[in-house]
Amino acid sequence: MNYAESHLKEAIEIINQIDTDSIEKVVNLLQTVKATGGRIFFLGVGGSAGNCSHAVNDFRKIVEIESYAPTDNVSELTARTNDEGWPTVFESWLKISKLNSKDLIFIFSVGGGSLEKNISPNLVLALQYAKEVGSKITGVVGRDGGYTAQVADACVIIPTVNPENITPHTEAFQAVVWHLIVSHPKLKVNQTKWESSKK
């Protein structure tokens, strides 16, 4: 078996093992957020930050939920990192955005954050603030889900089928899961371009 075959075989194993009930719980949570006029704040770093940006587009355009990603604003992100430090960049951003109990934090992360291991402390501090103000929390994360899985109202954990490929599979399946969610009949409002185009 060559590497391409092995990698895709692992992806098939993940699909077979992923907990679809947890995805449905996320969908139900998002239904509530939309019905009450809440907003979604997508938080992630590295490749997950790129996924946040794409997800914001889909949730605004397809689902019609007001959505944001702090990492889309490079000037503010870097100013806060420079002046206040990396760990508090998301928490400070959420405070200015007046995060409230109607809103939802949506985490994309491989590890889910850990203060003990000093991994993505900015996610952890943001989640702690979200708990303070009563915001809902969800995420698509890898490994054991870290702090995100501990505090989330609903959380999708991407199964680990090969410890050497946790990051690529987690970040790839973040996209699979959020595309599933925005396509879900409970949430989808607007048809996507190719599906609505006449043959």
C-alpha atoms as a PDB file:
ATOM      1  CA  MET A   1       0.000   0.000   0.000  1.00  0.00           C
ATOM      2  CA  ASN A   2       1.441   3.396  -0.969  1.00  0.00           C
ATOM      3  CA  TYR A   3       1.123   6.475   1.230  1.00  0.00           C
ATOM      4  CA  ALA A   4      -1.808   7.960  -0.703  1.00  0.00           C
ATOM      5  CA  GLU A   5      -3.763   4.730  -0.290  1.00  0.00           C
ATOM      6  CA  SER A   6      -2.876   4.579   3.412  1.00  0.00           C
ATOM      7  CA  HIS A   7      -3.906   8.184   4.061  1.00  0.00           C
ATOM      8  CA  LEU A   8      -7.249   7.751   2.311  1.00  0.00           C
ATOM      9  CA  LYS A   9      -7.844   4.452   4.109  1.00  0.00           C
ATOM     10  CA  GLU A  10      -7.387   6.323   7.388  1.00  0.00           C
ATOM     11  CA  ALA A  11      -9.936   8.911   6.233  1.00  0.00           C
ATOM     12  CA  ILE A  12     -12.436   6.125   5.535  1.00  0.00           C
ATOM     13  CA  GLU A  13     -11.828   4.736   9.033  1.00  0.00           C
ATOM     14  CA  ILE A  14     -12.512   8.176  10.508  1.00  0.00           C
ATOM     15  CA  ILE A  15     -15.786   8.443   8.592  1.00  0.00           C
ATOM     16  CA  ASN A  16     -16.816   5.025   9.869  1.00  0.00           C
ATOM     17  CA  GLN A  17     -15.956   5.922  13.472  1.00  0.00           C
ATOM     18  CA  ILE A  18     -17.131   9.528  13.785  1.00  0.00           C
ATOM     19  CA  ASP A  19     -19.994  10.054  16.221  1.00  0.00           C
ATOM     20  CA  THR A  20     -22.890  11.330  14.119  1.00  0.00           C
ATOM     21  CA  ASP A  21     -25.031  11.903  17.219  1.00  0.00           C
ATOM     22  CA  SER A  22     -22.549  14.552  18.333  1.00  0.00           C
ATOM     23  CA  ILE A  23     -22.904  16.279  14.960  1.00  0.00           C
ATOM     24  CA  GLU A  24     -26.693  16.279  15.298  1.00  0.00           C
ATOM     25  CA  LYS A  25     -26.311  17.832  18.780  1.00  0.00           C
ATOM     26  CA  VAL A  26     -24.241  20.639  17.254  1.00  0.00           C
ATOM     27  CA  VAL A  27     -26.934  21.182  14.612  1.00  0.00           C
ATOM     28  CA  ASN A  28     -29.632  21.410  17.295  1.00  0.00           C
ATOM     29  CA  LEU A  29     -27.517  23.865  19.269  1.00  0.00           C
ATOM     30  CA  LEU A  30     -27.063  26.032  16.181  1.00  0.00           C
ATOM     31  CA  GLN A  31     -30.813  25.942  15.527  1.00  0.00           C
ATOM     32  CA  THR A  32     -31.356  27.462  18.956  1.00  0.00           C
ATOM     33  CA  VAL A  33     -28.699  30.113  18.412  1.00  0.00           C
ATOM     34  CA  LYS A  34     -30.296  31.130  15.129  1.00  0.00           C
ATOM     35  CA  ALA A  35     -33.839  31.136  16.533  1.00  0.00           C
ATOM     36  CA  THR A  36     -32.827  33.440  19.393  1.00  0.00           C
ATOM     37  CA  GLY A  37     -30.851  35.854  17.207  1.00  0.00           C
ATOM     38  CA  GLY A  38     -27.437  34.819  18.480  1.00  0.00           C
ATOM     39  CA  ARG A  39     -24.132  35.102  16.689  1.00  0.00           C
ATOM     40  CA  ILE A  40     -21.354  32.581  16.037  1.00  0.00           C
ATOM     41  CA  PHE A  41     -17.728  33.389  16.801  1.00  0.00           C
ATOM     42  CA  PHE A  42     -15.322  30.930  15.166  1.00  0.00           C
ATOM     43  CA  LEU A  43     -12.000  30.567  16.966  1.00  0.00           C
ATOM     44  CA  GLY A  44      -8.953  28.666  15.778  1.00  0.00           C
ATOM     45  CA  VAL A  45      -5.221  29.040  15.183  1.00  0.00           C
ATOM     46  CA  GLY A  46      -2.950  27.891  12.379  1.00  0.00           C
ATOM     47  CA  GLY A  47      -4.751  25.823   9.751  1.00  0.00           C
ATOM     48  CA  SER A  48      -7.853  25.880  11.918  1.00  0.00           C
ATOM     49  CA  ALA A  49      -7.896  29.688  11.629  1.00  0.00           C
ATOM     50  CA  GLY A  50      -8.134  29.304   7.856  1.00  0.00           C
ATOM     51  CA  ASN A  51     -11.036  26.933   8.361  1.00  0.00           C
ATOM     52  CA  CYS A  52     -12.718  29.517  10.597  1.00  0.00           C
ATOM     53  CA  SER A  53     -12.620  32.084   7.811  1.00  0.00           C
ATOM     54  CA  HIS A  54     -14.192  29.693   5.312  1.00  0.00           C
ATOM     55  CA  ALA A  55     -16.834  28.577   7.823  1.00  0.00           C
ATOM     56  CA  VAL A  56     -17.845  32.190   8.504  1.00  0.00           C
ATOM     57  CA  ASN A  57     -18.638  32.572   4.816  1.00  0.00           C
ATOM     58  CA  ASP A  58     -20.751  29.411   4.727  1.00  0.00           C
ATOM     59  CA  PHE A  59     -22.700  30.083   7.910  1.00  0.00           C
ATOM     60  CA  ARG A  60     -23.480  33.656   6.835  1.00  0.00           C
ATOM     61  CA  LYS A  61     -24.309  32.883   3.220  1.00  0.00           C
ATOM     62  CA  ILE A  62     -25.942  29.436   3.392  1.00  0.00           C
ATOM     63  CA  VAL A  63     -27.421  29.365   6.909  1.00  0.00           C
ATOM     64  CA  GLU A  64     -27.914  33.123   7.426  1.00  0.00           C
ATOM     65  CA  ILE A  65     -26.439  33.260  10.923  1.00  0.00           C
ATOM     66  CA  GLU A  66     -24.369  36.314  11.798  1.00  0.00           C
ATOM     67  CA  SER A  67     -20.836  34.928  12.124  1.00  0.00           C
ATOM     68  CA  TYR A  68     -17.317  36.223  12.705  1.00  0.00           C
ATOM     69  CA  ALA A  69     -13.707  35.060  13.062  1.00  0.00           C
ATOM     70  CA  PRO A  70     -11.284  37.325  14.964  1.00  0.00           C
ATOM     71  CA  THR A  71      -8.407  35.943  12.884  1.00  0.00           C
ATOM     72  CA  ASP A  72      -9.887  37.614   9.795  1.00  0.00           C
ATOM     73  CA  ASN A  73      -8.807  40.969  11.249  1.00  0.00           C
ATOM     74  CA  VAL A  74      -5.025  40.714  11.022  1.00  0.00           C
ATOM     75  CA  SER A  75      -4.422  44.296  12.171  1.00  0.00           C
ATOM     76  CA  GLU A  76      -6.351  43.905  15.425  1.00  0.00           C
ATOM     77  CA  LEU A  77      -5.029  40.389  16.037  1.00  0.00           C
ATOM     78  CA  THR A  78      -1.397  41.429  15.686  1.00  0.00           C
ATOM     79  CA  ALA A  79      -1.886  44.671  17.631  1.00  0.00           C
ATOM     80  CA  ARG A  80      -3.390  42.773  20.539  1.00  0.00           C
ATOM     81  CA  THR A  81      -0.648  40.126  20.339  1.00  0.00           C
ATOM     82  CA  ASN A  82       2.017  42.824  20.379  1.00  0.00           C
ATOM     83  CA  ASP A  83       0.482  44.994  23.105  1.00  0.00           C
ATOM     84  CA  GLU A  84      -1.324  42.523  25.374  1.00  0.00           C
ATOM     85  CA  GLY A  85       0.111  39.093  24.580  1.00  0.00           C
ATOM     86  CA  TRP A  86      -1.044  36.081  22.582  1.00  0.00           C
ATOM     87  CA  PRO A  87      -3.060  34.270  25.300  1.00  0.00           C
ATOM     88  CA  THR A  88      -5.709  37.013  25.630  1.00  0.00           C
ATOM     89  CA  VAL A  89      -6.239  37.990  21.972  1.00  0.00           C
ATOM     90  CA  PHE A  90      -9.555  36.164  21.549  1.00  0.00           C
ATOM     91  CA  GLU A  91     -10.911  36.972  25.001  1.00  0.00           C
ATOM     92  CA  SER A  92     -10.307  40.706  24.481  1.00  0.00           C
ATOM     93  CA  TRP A  93     -11.878  40.563  21.013  1.00  0.00           C
ATOM     94  CA  LEU A  94     -14.992  38.852  22.416  1.00  0.00           C
ATOM     95  CA  LYS A  95     -15.340  41.446  25.172  1.00  0.00           C
ATOM     96  CA  ILE A  96     -15.351  44.276  22.623  1.00  0.00           C
ATOM     97  CA  SER A  97     -17.913  42.297  20.590  1.00  0.00           C
ATOM     98  CA  LYS A  98     -20.138  42.105  23.683  1.00  0.00           C
ATOM     99  CA  LEU A  99     -20.362  38.329  23.692  1.00  0.00           C
ATOM    100  CA  ASN A 100     -23.574  37.300  25.440  1.00  0.00           C
ATOM    101  CA  SER A 101     -25.716  34.325  26.374  1.00  0.00           C
ATOM    102  CA  LYS A 102     -27.434  34.192  22.974  1.00  0.00           C
ATOM    103  CA  ASP A 103     -24.103  33.745  21.183  1.00  0.00           C
ATOM    104  CA  LEU A 104     -22.037  30.648  20.453  1.00  0.00           C
ATOM    105  CA  ILE A 105     -18.295  30.020  20.392  1.00  0.00           C
ATOM    106  CA  PHE A 106     -17.334  27.509  17.694  1.00  0.00           C
ATOM    107  CA  ILE A 107     -13.834  26.094  18.146  1.00  0.00           C
ATOM    108  CA  PHE A 108     -11.756  24.496  15.395  1.00  0.00           C
ATOM    109  CA  SER A 109      -8.670  22.973  17.001  1.00  0.00           C
ATOM    110  CA  VAL A 110      -6.514  19.868  16.826  1.00  0.00           C
ATOM    111  CA  GLY A 111      -5.941  19.694  20.582  1.00  0.00           C
ATOM    112  CA  GLY A 112      -8.822  21.764  21.940  1.00  0.00           C
ATOM    113  CA  GLY A 113      -6.550  23.868  24.150  1.00  0.00           C
ATOM    114  CA  SER A 114      -4.763  23.200  27.436  1.00  0.00           C
ATOM    115  CA  LEU A 115      -3.381  25.653  29.982  1.00  0.00           C
ATOM    116  CA  GLU A 116      -1.382  22.890  31.664  1.00  0.00           C
ATOM    117  CA  LYS A 117       0.455  22.080  28.434  1.00  0.00           C
ATOM    118  CA  ASN A 118       0.469  25.724  27.245  1.00  0.00           C
ATOM    119  CA  ILE A 119      -1.297  24.689  24.034  1.00  0.00           C
ATOM    120  CA  SER A 120      -3.657  27.281  22.547  1.00  0.00           C
ATOM    121  CA  PRO A 121      -4.119  29.191  25.819  1.00  0.00           C
ATOM    122  CA  ASN A 122      -5.958  31.862  23.832  1.00  0.00           C
ATOM    123  CA  LEU A 123      -8.731  29.342  23.124  1.00  0.00           C
ATOM    124  CA  VAL A 124      -8.941  28.312  26.774  1.00  0.00           C
ATOM    125  CA  LEU A 125      -9.180  31.893  28.079  1.00  0.00           C
ATOM    126  CA  ALA A 126     -11.817  32.689  25.467  1.00  0.00           C
ATOM    127  CA  LEU A 127     -13.834  29.647  26.515  1.00  0.00           C
ATOM    128  CA  GLN A 128     -13.532  30.570  30.179  1.00  0.00           C
ATOM    129  CA  TYR A 129     -14.893  34.018  29.347  1.00  0.00           C
ATOM    130  CA  ALA A 130     -17.706  32.448  27.300  1.00  0.00           C
ATOM    131  CA  LYS A 131     -18.677  30.355  30.331  1.00  0.00           C
ATOM    132  CA  GLU A 132     -18.723  33.514  32.479  1.00  0.00           C
ATOM    133  CA  VAL A 133     -21.223  35.257  30.218  1.00  0.00           C
ATOM    134  CA  GLY A 134     -23.284  32.133  29.532  1.00  0.00           C
ATOM    135  CA  SER A 135     -22.506  31.700  25.840  1.00  0.00           C
ATOM    136  CA  LYS A 136     -22.976  28.321  24.203  1.00  0.00           C
ATOM    137  CA  ILE A 137     -19.833  26.402  23.194  1.00  0.00           C
ATOM    138  CA  THR A 138     -19.223  23.870  20.462  1.00  0.00           C
ATOM    139  CA  GLY A 139     -16.311  22.660  18.399  1.00  0.00           C
ATOM    140  CA  VAL A 140     -14.724  20.216  16.017  1.00  0.00           C
ATOM    141  CA  VAL A 141     -11.509  19.012  17.603  1.00  0.00           C
ATOM    142  CA  GLY A 142      -9.017  16.150  17.528  1.00  0.00           C
ATOM    143  CA  ARG A 143      -7.257  13.870  20.025  1.00  0.00           C
ATOM    144  CA  ASP A 144      -9.246  13.900  23.277  1.00  0.00           C
ATOM    145  CA  GLY A 145     -10.730  17.323  22.578  1.00  0.00           C
ATOM    146  CA  GLY A 146      -8.778  19.084  25.325  1.00  0.00           C
ATOM    147  CA  TYR A 147     -10.441  21.930  27.207  1.00  0.00           C
ATOM    148  CA  THR A 148     -12.989  22.470  24.432  1.00  0.00           C
ATOM    149  CA  ALA A 149     -14.486  19.004  24.864  1.00  0.00           C
ATOM    150  CA  GLN A 150     -14.548  19.455  28.657  1.00  0.00           C
ATOM    151  CA  VAL A 151     -16.696  22.605  28.582  1.00  0.00           C
ATOM    152  CA  ALA A 152     -18.644  22.336  25.313  1.00  0.00           C
ATOM    153  CA  ASP A 153     -22.412  22.023  25.149  1.00  0.00           C
ATOM    154  CA  ALA A 154     -21.858  19.815  22.098  1.00  0.00           C
ATOM    155  CA  CYS A 155     -18.566  18.743  20.570  1.00  0.00           C
ATOM    156  CA  VAL A 156     -17.406  16.612  17.643  1.00  0.00           C
ATOM    157  CA  ILE A 157     -14.142  14.782  18.269  1.00  0.00           C
ATOM    158  CA  ILE A 158     -12.376  13.523  15.150  1.00  0.00           C
ATOM    159  CA  PRO A 159     -11.260   9.947  15.925  1.00  0.00           C
ATOM    160  CA  THR A 160      -7.530   9.258  15.990  1.00  0.00           C
ATOM    161  CA  VAL A 161      -6.793   6.346  13.667  1.00  0.00           C
ATOM    162  CA  ASN A 162      -3.099   7.085  13.208  1.00  0.00           C
ATOM    163  CA  PRO A 163      -1.184   9.109  15.842  1.00  0.00           C
ATOM    164  CA  GLU A 164       1.192  10.293  13.097  1.00  0.00           C
ATOM    165  CA  ASN A 165      -1.638  12.015  11.187  1.00  0.00           C
ATOM    166  CA  ILE A 166      -3.764  13.662  13.868  1.00  0.00           C
ATOM    167  CA  THR A 167      -3.316  17.225  12.570  1.00  0.00           C
ATOM    168  CA  PRO A 168      -4.004  16.690   8.840  1.00  0.00           C
ATOM    169  CA  HIS A 169      -7.026  14.511   9.495  1.00  0.00           C
ATOM    170  CA  THR A 170      -8.487  16.799  12.158  1.00  0.00           C
ATOM    171  CA  GLU A 171      -8.139  19.927  10.041  1.00  0.00           C
ATOM    172  CA  ALA A 172      -9.487  18.149   6.962  1.00  0.00           C
ATOM    173  CA  PHE A 173     -12.483  16.761   8.832  1.00  0.00           C
ATOM    174  CA  GLN A 174     -13.269  20.138  10.357  1.00  0.00           C
ATOM    175  CA  ALA A 175     -14.199  21.078   6.798  1.00  0.00           C
ATOM    176  CA  VAL A 176     -16.163  17.876   6.230  1.00  0.00           C
ATOM    177  CA  VAL A 177     -18.180  18.404   9.411  1.00  0.00           C
ATOM    178  CA  TRP A 178     -18.971  22.098   8.949  1.00  0.00           C
ATOM    179  CA  HIS A 179     -19.979  21.499   5.326  1.00  0.00           C
ATOM    180  CA  LEU A 180     -22.268  18.732   6.563  1.00  0.00           C
ATOM    181  CA  ILE A 181     -23.752  21.141   9.115  1.00  0.00           C
ATOM    182  CA  VAL A 182     -24.462  23.972   6.677  1.00  0.00           C
ATOM    183  CA  SER A 183     -26.012  21.421   4.301  1.00  0.00           C
ATOM    184  CA  HIS A 184     -28.239  20.006   7.038  1.00  0.00           C
ATOM    185  CA  PRO A 185     -31.953  20.533   6.268  1.00  0.00           C
ATOM    186  CA  LYS A 186     -32.505  21.907   9.787  1.00  0.00           C
ATOM    187  CA  LEU A 187     -30.135  24.802   9.029  1.00  0.00           C
ATOM    188  CA  LYS A 188     -29.685  25.278   5.298  1.00  0.00           C
ATOM    189  CA  VAL A 189     -31.565  28.311   3.976  1.00  0.00           C
ATOM    190  CA  ASN A 190     -29.925  29.142   0.662  1.00  0.00           C
ATOM    191  CA  GLN A 191     -28.977  26.799  -2.136  1.00  0.00           C
ATOM    192  CA  THR A 192     -25.325  26.712  -3.178  1.00  0.00           C
ATOM    193  CA  LYS A 193     -24.394  27.826  -6.687  1.00  0.00           C
ATOM    194  CA  TRP A 194     -23.684  24.551  -8.487  1.00  0.00           C
ATOM    195  CA  GLU A 195     -26.617  22.773  -6.925  1.00  0.00           C
ATOM    196  CA  SER A 196     -28.980  25.536  -8.037  1.00  0.00           C
ATOM    197  CA  SER A 197     -27.583  25.916 -11.551  1.00  0.00           C
ATOM    198  CA  LYS A 198     -29.505  24.331 -14.371  1.00  0.00           C
ATOM    199  CA  LYS A 199     -27.718  21.549 -16.254  1.00  0.00           C
END
